[in-house]
Structures are given as C-alpha cells and as structure tokens.
Amino acid sequence: MKLNQYIDHTVLKPTTLISDIEKLCAEAIQYQFAAVCVPPNFVKQAKALTLGSSVKVATVIGFPFGYAAVEAKIAEIVLAMVDGADELDVVCNISAIKNKDFTYIANEINHIMPIVKSKGKTIKVIIESGVLTDEEIIACCDIYGAAGIDYLKTSTGYADKGASVAAVKLFRLHLPKHVQIKASGGIRDYAFAKELVEAGATRLGCSAGVAIVEGTPVKDSGY
C-alpha cells in the first residue's frame, strides 16, 4: 500500500524553526504527501515553499486544547485563510464535550462552518478521541456529521493517547459517508499507518511521514 498520498506531513512543536518548515515542505514535495500541517505563524512560508506543487497547506486552530472562545477561533481561521491556508484543523472544545454540553459544541461548529465554506476551504475537527468515552465520540460523530465537516480527526498528538484503530472504526461506523477521517497522534511506522487506513482513515497526521513511507526507524517522535 502506498501511503504517501494519505499523509499530512506535520510539525507543530512550540520550538519550530523556519528551517524545520523548509525541510518539511521540501520532503512533502519530494514524497508527494497530501499536505503539510504547520503552526499558524508559518502558513505564509509554507504556502510560498509549496507553490506550484500539489501539496496543500494545513494549519491548526484553537490548538492544542480547544477551549478558546469561538470568536477567537474564528479570528484564527480568518487570519489563516488570509495567509493562504487550504485546510484548517480545528480543535473542538473538549471540556464542553466532557461536561456533556453538546449544545455548545453544535453552536461552535455552526458558527465556524459558514466562514470556512464561504472560502471553499477544507475543515477537519479534532475531538481528542483518546480522552473520550465511546458515547462521547458517537455524540460528536452525530453533531459534526450533521454540520457537514470534511474530516473528523482523532487527536492533537498532545494527549496521553493518540490515534487508535478502534477509534477510527468507531468514527467510520457513526459518521456519514461523506465525512472522511484523519488519524493523528503517535503514528510512527508503516504497519500502524496501514492499519489505520484499512480501518477507514483517509488522512494520516504525522511528523514521521518520511520514515513511514521508507520503512526506516523514527529518529524524532515529534508530533
């Protein structure tokens, strides 16, 4: 299985350097990855570095904890789109989910969706599945499926538990067919990446993209 076109080649560490972004983008073009996922302050550079290639530029919103006000997330989204982001990985308000405040969750995404879709951008919602119960995940699938998001994403990569085959299967069982799945968090080898794709993931967020496609050991676990 060729996994390169599933991969969002990612660097989101707080100490990210411009040289990290340059390397990331060069590798993404070389290996024909689906996208690069970079911190918001590097979107402009990543867009310039991938110009003329098929590689999309993704960035994160409300990252990594998701409890920023919806107005703050919208401001981040607008700035990211102005800077050239093609795809927006938005962390939902995980605290609201844990408190069973699904009205808040629905209200948040319903305010965000028109802004993203008015510009024809792709939206991926991160729900941090590793800290949620199955019932909470299913409720999220119902809400975000109805909202018409493009992808539901397993993890930020910063929780104790990242992507899992079980979570991807649960997503696929309860999401509408048109909503795709992005698995992320702790994906560091080809075998696990392949399992996630076979379970239903159509994107893989990882910093180990090159190691995964080449089948080599990961030197830096990163995101």
Foldseek 3Di string as FASTA:
>chain_A
DQCQQQEAAEFEDPPDDVVNLLVSLVVCQVSVHQEHEYALVCLLVNCVSNPPGNYAYEYEFCPDQAQDDLVRRQVSVVSSVVSPHQEYEYEHNLVCLVVVVVVRRLVSLLVNVVVQVVVPGAYEYERQQVPDDLVSLLSVQVSVLVSPHAEYEHHPQPDPDFFDLVSLLSSVVRHPPRHAYEGEHQPAEQVRSVSNVVSGHRHYYANNSVCHSVVHGDPDRRD
